[in-house]
Amino acid sequence: MSKRNLIWLAAIVVVGVVLGVVAGWLWGVIAAAVVLVISEVVERSARAKRRAARGAAGSPSIGDAVDARRKRR
C-alpha cells in the first residue's frame, strides 16, 4: 500500500472509532463510510490530474496496443 492509502485508512479508522465511542457504533460506521467516499473522490481527482500531467507520455491502454498492432499488419 502506498503512504497516501495508509493515511486515508488511518483517517477512516480514527473517525469511525471516535464517533463510535462518542455517538454510538452506527454513527461511527456512517462517519467511516462518509470519509471513505471522500477519500475515493479525492484520490480519483488526484489520479486524473496525474494522468493529465503525463499526457501522451503515459502508458497506453491495452486497447491502444491492440489497435496499434492491427494497424501495423
PDB file of N, CA and C in Angstrom:
ATOM      1  N   MET A   1       0.842  -1.181   0.000  1.00  0.00           N
ATOM      2  CA  MET A   1       0.000   0.000   0.000  1.00  0.00           C
ATOM      3  C   MET A   1       0.887   1.245   0.000  1.00  0.00           C
ATOM      4  N   SER A   2       0.400   2.251  -0.672  1.00  0.00           N
ATOM      5  CA  SER A   2       1.160   3.497  -0.708  1.00  0.00           C
ATOM      6  C   SER A   2       0.950   4.276   0.594  1.00  0.00           C
ATOM      7  N   LYS A   3       1.824   5.226   0.808  1.00  0.00           N
ATOM      8  CA  LYS A   3       1.744   6.049   2.015  1.00  0.00           C
ATOM      9  C   LYS A   3       0.412   6.801   2.059  1.00  0.00           C
ATOM     10  N   ARG A   4      -0.016   7.283   0.899  1.00  0.00           N
ATOM     11  CA  ARG A   4      -1.274   8.021   0.817  1.00  0.00           C
ATOM     12  C   ARG A   4      -2.452   7.132   1.225  1.00  0.00           C
ATOM     13  N   ASN A   5      -2.448   5.882   0.771  1.00  0.00           N
ATOM     14  CA  ASN A   5      -3.527   4.960   1.120  1.00  0.00           C
ATOM     15  C   ASN A   5      -3.530   4.640   2.611  1.00  0.00           C
ATOM     16  N   LEU A   6      -2.347   4.503   3.189  1.00  0.00           N
ATOM     17  CA  LEU A   6      -2.266   4.228   4.622  1.00  0.00           C
ATOM     18  C   LEU A   6      -2.795   5.399   5.444  1.00  0.00           C
ATOM     19  N   ILE A   7      -2.522   6.615   4.989  1.00  0.00           N
ATOM     20  CA  ILE A   7      -3.027   7.798   5.693  1.00  0.00           C
ATOM     21  C   ILE A   7      -4.549   7.836   5.634  1.00  0.00           C
ATOM     22  N   TRP A   8      -5.109   7.566   4.457  1.00  0.00           N
ATOM     23  CA  TRP A   8      -6.570   7.539   4.334  1.00  0.00           C
ATOM     24  C   TRP A   8      -7.166   6.434   5.205  1.00  0.00           C
ATOM     25  N   LEU A   9      -6.541   5.267   5.226  1.00  0.00           N
ATOM     26  CA  LEU A   9      -7.035   4.163   6.049  1.00  0.00           C
ATOM     27  C   LEU A   9      -7.034   4.545   7.523  1.00  0.00           C
ATOM     28  N   ALA A  10      -5.956   5.176   7.966  1.00  0.00           N
ATOM     29  CA  ALA A  10      -5.882   5.618   9.360  1.00  0.00           C
ATOM     30  C   ALA A  10      -6.967   6.647   9.665  1.00  0.00           C
ATOM     31  N   ALA A  11      -7.207   7.568   8.743  1.00  0.00           N
ATOM     32  CA  ALA A  11      -8.246   8.587   8.949  1.00  0.00           C
ATOM     33  C   ALA A  11      -9.622   7.946   9.056  1.00  0.00           C
ATOM     34  N   ILE A  12      -9.893   6.972   8.205  1.00  0.00           N
ATOM     35  CA  ILE A  12     -11.190   6.290   8.229  1.00  0.00           C
ATOM     36  C   ILE A  12     -11.389   5.571   9.560  1.00  0.00           C
ATOM     37  N   VAL A  13     -10.364   4.861  10.006  1.00  0.00           N
ATOM     38  CA  VAL A  13     -10.466   4.113  11.261  1.00  0.00           C
ATOM     39  C   VAL A  13     -10.615   5.060  12.448  1.00  0.00           C
ATOM     40  N   VAL A  14      -9.809   6.120  12.486  1.00  0.00           N
ATOM     41  CA  VAL A  14      -9.863   7.059  13.613  1.00  0.00           C
ATOM     42  C   VAL A  14     -11.227   7.729  13.689  1.00  0.00           C
ATOM     43  N   VAL A  15     -11.731   8.220  12.573  1.00  0.00           N
ATOM     44  CA  VAL A  15     -13.041   8.880  12.574  1.00  0.00           C
ATOM     45  C   VAL A  15     -14.125   7.899  13.003  1.00  0.00           C
ATOM     46  N   GLY A  16     -14.077   6.690  12.468  1.00  0.00           N
ATOM     47  CA  GLY A  16     -15.078   5.687  12.831  1.00  0.00           C
ATOM     48  C   GLY A  16     -15.045   5.332  14.301  1.00  0.00           C
ATOM     49  N   VAL A  17     -13.858   5.143  14.848  1.00  0.00           N
ATOM     50  CA  VAL A  17     -13.738   4.763  16.261  1.00  0.00           C
ATOM     51  C   VAL A  17     -14.147   5.916  17.170  1.00  0.00           C
ATOM     52  N   VAL A  18     -13.676   7.119  16.867  1.00  0.00           N
ATOM     53  CA  VAL A  18     -14.003   8.269  17.721  1.00  0.00           C
ATOM     54  C   VAL A  18     -15.507   8.518  17.734  1.00  0.00           C
ATOM     55  N   LEU A  19     -16.128   8.570  16.572  1.00  0.00           N
ATOM     56  CA  LEU A  19     -17.568   8.788  16.552  1.00  0.00           C
ATOM     57  C   LEU A  19     -18.319   7.584  17.101  1.00  0.00           C
ATOM     58  N   GLY A  20     -17.771   6.400  16.928  1.00  0.00           N
ATOM     59  CA  GLY A  20     -18.395   5.217  17.507  1.00  0.00           C
ATOM     60  C   GLY A  20     -18.431   5.281  19.020  1.00  0.00           C
ATOM     61  N   VAL A  21     -17.370   5.773  19.628  1.00  0.00           N
ATOM     62  CA  VAL A  21     -17.314   5.894  21.086  1.00  0.00           C
ATOM     63  C   VAL A  21     -18.187   7.047  21.567  1.00  0.00           C
ATOM     64  N   VAL A  22     -18.131   8.172  20.862  1.00  0.00           N
ATOM     65  CA  VAL A  22     -18.848   9.374  21.300  1.00  0.00           C
ATOM     66  C   VAL A  22     -20.347   9.282  21.028  1.00  0.00           C
ATOM     67  N   ALA A  23     -20.727   8.855  19.819  1.00  0.00           N
ATOM     68  CA  ALA A  23     -22.132   8.939  19.421  1.00  0.00           C
ATOM     69  C   ALA A  23     -22.792   7.581  19.189  1.00  0.00           C
ATOM     70  N   GLY A  24     -22.056   6.511  19.305  1.00  0.00           N
ATOM     71  CA  GLY A  24     -22.649   5.193  19.092  1.00  0.00           C
ATOM     72  C   GLY A  24     -22.070   4.532  17.851  1.00  0.00           C
ATOM     73  N   TRP A  25     -22.145   3.212  17.838  1.00  0.00           N
ATOM     74  CA  TRP A  25     -21.495   2.443  16.772  1.00  0.00           C
ATOM     75  C   TRP A  25     -22.069   2.755  15.398  1.00  0.00           C
ATOM     76  N   LEU A  26     -23.384   3.000  15.304  1.00  0.00           N
ATOM     77  CA  LEU A  26     -23.988   3.274  13.999  1.00  0.00           C
ATOM     78  C   LEU A  26     -23.439   4.571  13.407  1.00  0.00           C
ATOM     79  N   TRP A  27     -23.328   5.607  14.225  1.00  0.00           N
ATOM     80  CA  TRP A  27     -22.766   6.869  13.739  1.00  0.00           C
ATOM     81  C   TRP A  27     -21.298   6.716  13.369  1.00  0.00           C
ATOM     82  N   GLY A  28     -20.598   5.858  14.089  1.00  0.00           N
ATOM     83  CA  GLY A  28     -19.202   5.587  13.752  1.00  0.00           C
ATOM     84  C   GLY A  28     -19.065   4.933  12.395  1.00  0.00           C
ATOM     85  N   VAL A  29     -19.934   3.970  12.110  1.00  0.00           N
ATOM     86  CA  VAL A  29     -19.911   3.298  10.805  1.00  0.00           C
ATOM     87  C   VAL A  29     -20.284   4.276   9.697  1.00  0.00           C
ATOM     88  N   ILE A  30     -21.305   5.089   9.935  1.00  0.00           N
ATOM     89  CA  ILE A  30     -21.731   6.071   8.928  1.00  0.00           C
ATOM     90  C   ILE A  30     -20.607   7.074   8.663  1.00  0.00           C
ATOM     91  N   ALA A  31     -19.972   7.567   9.718  1.00  0.00           N
ATOM     92  CA  ALA A  31     -18.881   8.536   9.551  1.00  0.00           C
ATOM     93  C   ALA A  31     -17.711   7.920   8.798  1.00  0.00           C
ATOM     94  N   ALA A  32     -17.379   6.668   9.107  1.00  0.00           N
ATOM     95  CA  ALA A  32     -16.289   5.997   8.397  1.00  0.00           C
ATOM     96  C   ALA A  32     -16.630   5.844   6.920  1.00  0.00           C
ATOM     97  N   ALA A  33     -17.888   5.526   6.620  1.00  0.00           N
ATOM     98  CA  ALA A  33     -18.309   5.393   5.221  1.00  0.00           C
ATOM     99  C   ALA A  33     -18.213   6.732   4.492  1.00  0.00           C
ATOM    100  N   VAL A  34     -18.585   7.803   5.165  1.00  0.00           N
ATOM    101  CA  VAL A  34     -18.502   9.135   4.554  1.00  0.00           C
ATOM    102  C   VAL A  34     -17.042   9.498   4.268  1.00  0.00           C
ATOM    103  N   VAL A  35     -16.158   9.222   5.205  1.00  0.00           N
ATOM    104  CA  VAL A  35     -14.736   9.516   4.988  1.00  0.00           C
ATOM    105  C   VAL A  35     -14.196   8.659   3.850  1.00  0.00           C
ATOM    106  N   LEU A  36     -14.643   7.414   3.753  1.00  0.00           N
ATOM    107  CA  LEU A  36     -14.224   6.543   2.656  1.00  0.00           C
ATOM    108  C   LEU A  36     -14.652   7.121   1.308  1.00  0.00           C
ATOM    109  N   VAL A  37     -15.877   7.612   1.221  1.00  0.00           N
ATOM    110  CA  VAL A  37     -16.359   8.219  -0.028  1.00  0.00           C
ATOM    111  C   VAL A  37     -15.538   9.457  -0.367  1.00  0.00           C
ATOM    112  N   ILE A  38     -15.274  10.286   0.629  1.00  0.00           N
ATOM    113  CA  ILE A  38     -14.468  11.489   0.399  1.00  0.00           C
ATOM    114  C   ILE A  38     -13.073  11.109  -0.082  1.00  0.00           C
ATOM    115  N   SER A  39     -12.487  10.076   0.523  1.00  0.00           N
ATOM    116  CA  SER A  39     -11.141   9.662   0.112  1.00  0.00           C
ATOM    117  C   SER A  39     -11.137   9.174  -1.332  1.00  0.00           C
ATOM    118  N   GLU A  40     -12.183   8.463  -1.735  1.00  0.00           N
ATOM    119  CA  GLU A  40     -12.263   7.989  -3.121  1.00  0.00           C
ATOM    120  C   GLU A  40     -12.351   9.156  -4.098  1.00  0.00           C
ATOM    121  N   VAL A  41     -13.171  10.147  -3.775  1.00  0.00           N
ATOM    122  CA  VAL A  41     -13.320  11.310  -4.651  1.00  0.00           C
ATOM    123  C   VAL A  41     -11.991  12.056  -4.771  1.00  0.00           C
ATOM    124  N   VAL A  42     -11.327  12.266  -3.650  1.00  0.00           N
ATOM    125  CA  VAL A  42     -10.048  12.979  -3.660  1.00  0.00           C
ATOM    126  C   VAL A  42      -9.000  12.197  -4.444  1.00  0.00           C
ATOM    127  N   GLU A  43      -8.918  10.891  -4.224  1.00  0.00           N
ATOM    128  CA  GLU A  43      -7.911  10.077  -4.913  1.00  0.00           C
ATOM    129  C   GLU A  43      -8.183   9.985  -6.412  1.00  0.00           C
ATOM    130  N   ARG A  44      -9.440   9.872  -6.812  1.00  0.00           N
ATOM    131  CA  ARG A  44      -9.753   9.833  -8.251  1.00  0.00           C
ATOM    132  C   ARG A  44      -9.399  11.145  -8.921  1.00  0.00           C
ATOM    133  N   SER A  45      -9.669  12.245  -8.230  1.00  0.00           N
ATOM    134  CA  SER A  45      -9.318  13.552  -8.776  1.00  0.00           C
ATOM    135  C   SER A  45      -7.802  13.685  -8.915  1.00  0.00           C
ATOM    136  N   ALA A  46      -7.071  13.257  -7.896  1.00  0.00           N
ATOM    137  CA  ALA A  46      -5.608  13.328  -7.945  1.00  0.00           C
ATOM    138  C   ALA A  46      -5.060  12.421  -9.045  1.00  0.00           C
ATOM    139  N   ARG A  47      -5.655  11.243  -9.209  1.00  0.00           N
ATOM    140  CA  ARG A  47      -5.204  10.318 -10.253  1.00  0.00           C
ATOM    141  C   ARG A  47      -5.444  10.912 -11.636  1.00  0.00           C
ATOM    142  N   ALA A  48      -6.587  11.562 -11.819  1.00  0.00           N
ATOM    143  CA  ALA A  48      -6.886  12.192 -13.107  1.00  0.00           C
ATOM    144  C   ALA A  48      -5.893  13.317 -13.401  1.00  0.00           C
ATOM    145  N   LYS A  49      -5.542  14.084 -12.378  1.00  0.00           N
ATOM    146  CA  LYS A  49      -4.568  15.164 -12.571  1.00  0.00           C
ATOM    147  C   LYS A  49      -3.194  14.608 -12.915  1.00  0.00           C
ATOM    148  N   ARG A  50      -2.809  13.512 -12.257  1.00  0.00           N
ATOM    149  CA  ARG A  50      -1.512  12.902 -12.568  1.00  0.00           C
ATOM    150  C   ARG A  50      -1.499  12.370 -13.992  1.00  0.00           C
ATOM    151  N   ARG A  51      -2.595  11.755 -14.421  1.00  0.00           N
ATOM    152  CA  ARG A  51      -2.673  11.248 -15.794  1.00  0.00           C
ATOM    153  C   ARG A  51      -2.606  12.382 -16.800  1.00  0.00           C
ATOM    154  N   ALA A  52      -3.312  13.475 -16.514  1.00  0.00           N
ATOM    155  CA  ALA A  52      -3.305  14.617 -17.423  1.00  0.00           C
ATOM    156  C   ALA A  52      -1.909  15.228 -17.501  1.00  0.00           C
ATOM    157  N   ALA A  53      -1.198  15.233 -16.381  1.00  0.00           N
ATOM    158  CA  ALA A  53       0.156  15.791 -16.374  1.00  0.00           C
ATOM    159  C   ALA A  53       1.104  14.933 -17.207  1.00  0.00           C
ATOM    160  N   ARG A  54       0.879  13.623 -17.210  1.00  0.00           N
ATOM    161  CA  ARG A  54       1.707  12.735 -18.029  1.00  0.00           C
ATOM    162  C   ARG A  54       1.393  12.910 -19.498  1.00  0.00           C
ATOM    163  N   GLY A  55       0.143  13.216 -19.800  1.00  0.00           N
ATOM    164  CA  GLY A  55      -0.275  13.415 -21.191  1.00  0.00           C
ATOM    165  C   GLY A  55      -0.080  12.167 -22.017  1.00  0.00           C
ATOM    166  N   ALA A  56       0.395  12.344 -23.222  1.00  0.00           N
ATOM    167  CA  ALA A  56       0.577  11.224 -24.142  1.00  0.00           C
ATOM    168  C   ALA A  56       1.764  10.360 -23.745  1.00  0.00           C
ATOM    169  N   ALA A  57       2.592  10.826 -22.841  1.00  0.00           N
ATOM    170  CA  ALA A  57       3.770  10.059 -22.435  1.00  0.00           C
ATOM    171  C   ALA A  57       3.416   8.909 -21.509  1.00  0.00           C
ATOM    172  N   GLY A  58       2.175   8.876 -21.021  1.00  0.00           N
ATOM    173  CA  GLY A  58       1.765   7.808 -20.123  1.00  0.00           C
ATOM    174  C   GLY A  58       1.678   6.475 -20.832  1.00  0.00           C
ATOM    175  N   SER A  59       1.562   5.429 -20.059  1.00  0.00           N
ATOM    176  CA  SER A  59       1.499   4.097 -20.651  1.00  0.00           C
ATOM    177  C   SER A  59       0.174   3.923 -21.387  1.00  0.00           C
ATOM    178  N   PRO A  60       0.205   3.323 -22.573  1.00  0.00           N
ATOM    179  CA  PRO A  60      -1.019   3.154 -23.346  1.00  0.00           C
ATOM    180  C   PRO A  60      -1.903   2.067 -22.748  1.00  0.00           C
ATOM    181  N   SER A  61      -3.173   2.144 -23.060  1.00  0.00           N
ATOM    182  CA  SER A  61      -4.083   1.110 -22.596  1.00  0.00           C
ATOM    183  C   SER A  61      -3.908  -0.139 -23.450  1.00  0.00           C
ATOM    184  N   ILE A  62      -4.470  -1.233 -23.005  1.00  0.00           N
ATOM    185  CA  ILE A  62      -4.388  -2.481 -23.769  1.00  0.00           C
ATOM    186  C   ILE A  62      -5.097  -2.309 -25.107  1.00  0.00           C
ATOM    187  N   GLY A  63      -6.222  -1.601 -25.094  1.00  0.00           N
ATOM    188  CA  GLY A  63      -6.954  -1.358 -26.339  1.00  0.00           C
ATOM    189  C   GLY A  63      -6.123  -0.588 -27.347  1.00  0.00           C
ATOM    190  N   ASP A  64      -5.372   0.410 -26.871  1.00  0.00           N
ATOM    191  CA  ASP A  64      -4.494   1.177 -27.762  1.00  0.00           C
ATOM    192  C   ASP A  64      -3.400   0.293 -28.347  1.00  0.00           C
ATOM    193  N   ALA A  65      -2.863  -0.599 -27.529  1.00  0.00           N
ATOM    194  CA  ALA A  65      -1.813  -1.501 -28.010  1.00  0.00           C
ATOM    195  C   ALA A  65      -2.349  -2.447 -29.073  1.00  0.00           C
ATOM    196  N   VAL A  66      -3.556  -2.960 -28.876  1.00  0.00           N
ATOM    197  CA  VAL A  66      -4.167  -3.867 -29.860  1.00  0.00           C
ATOM    198  C   VAL A  66      -4.431  -3.119 -31.158  1.00  0.00           C
ATOM    199  N   ASP A  67      -4.966  -1.907 -31.064  1.00  0.00           N
ATOM    200  CA  ASP A  67      -5.234  -1.111 -32.268  1.00  0.00           C
ATOM    201  C   ASP A  67      -3.947  -0.811 -33.030  1.00  0.00           C
ATOM    202  N   ALA A  68      -2.888  -0.458 -32.326  1.00  0.00           N
ATOM    203  CA  ALA A  68      -1.615  -0.161 -32.980  1.00  0.00           C
ATOM    204  C   ALA A  68      -1.067  -1.393 -33.684  1.00  0.00           C
ATOM    205  N   ARG A  69      -1.223  -2.538 -33.054  1.00  0.00           N
ATOM    206  CA  ARG A  69      -0.724  -3.772 -33.680  1.00  0.00           C
ATOM    207  C   ARG A  69      -1.511  -4.106 -34.938  1.00  0.00           C
ATOM    208  N   ARG A  70      -2.820  -3.886 -34.895  1.00  0.00           N
ATOM    209  CA  ARG A  70      -3.653  -4.165 -36.075  1.00  0.00           C
ATOM    210  C   ARG A  70      -3.284  -3.244 -37.230  1.00  0.00           C
ATOM    211  N   LYS A  71      -2.971  -1.997 -36.922  1.00  0.00           N
ATOM    212  CA  LYS A  71      -2.623  -1.035 -37.969  1.00  0.00           C
ATOM    213  C   LYS A  71      -1.295  -1.379 -38.631  1.00  0.00           C
ATOM    214  N   ARG A  72      -0.378  -1.995 -37.894  1.00  0.00           N
ATOM    215  CA  ARG A  72       0.925  -2.358 -38.455  1.00  0.00           C
ATOM    216  C   ARG A  72       0.825  -3.514 -39.435  1.00  0.00           C
ATOM    217  N   ARG A  73      -0.187  -4.329 -39.314  1.00  0.00           N
ATOM    218  CA  ARG A  73      -0.304  -5.514 -40.183  1.00  0.00           C
ATOM    219  C   ARG A  73      -0.748  -5.152 -41.554  1.00  0.00           C
TER     220      ARG A  73
END
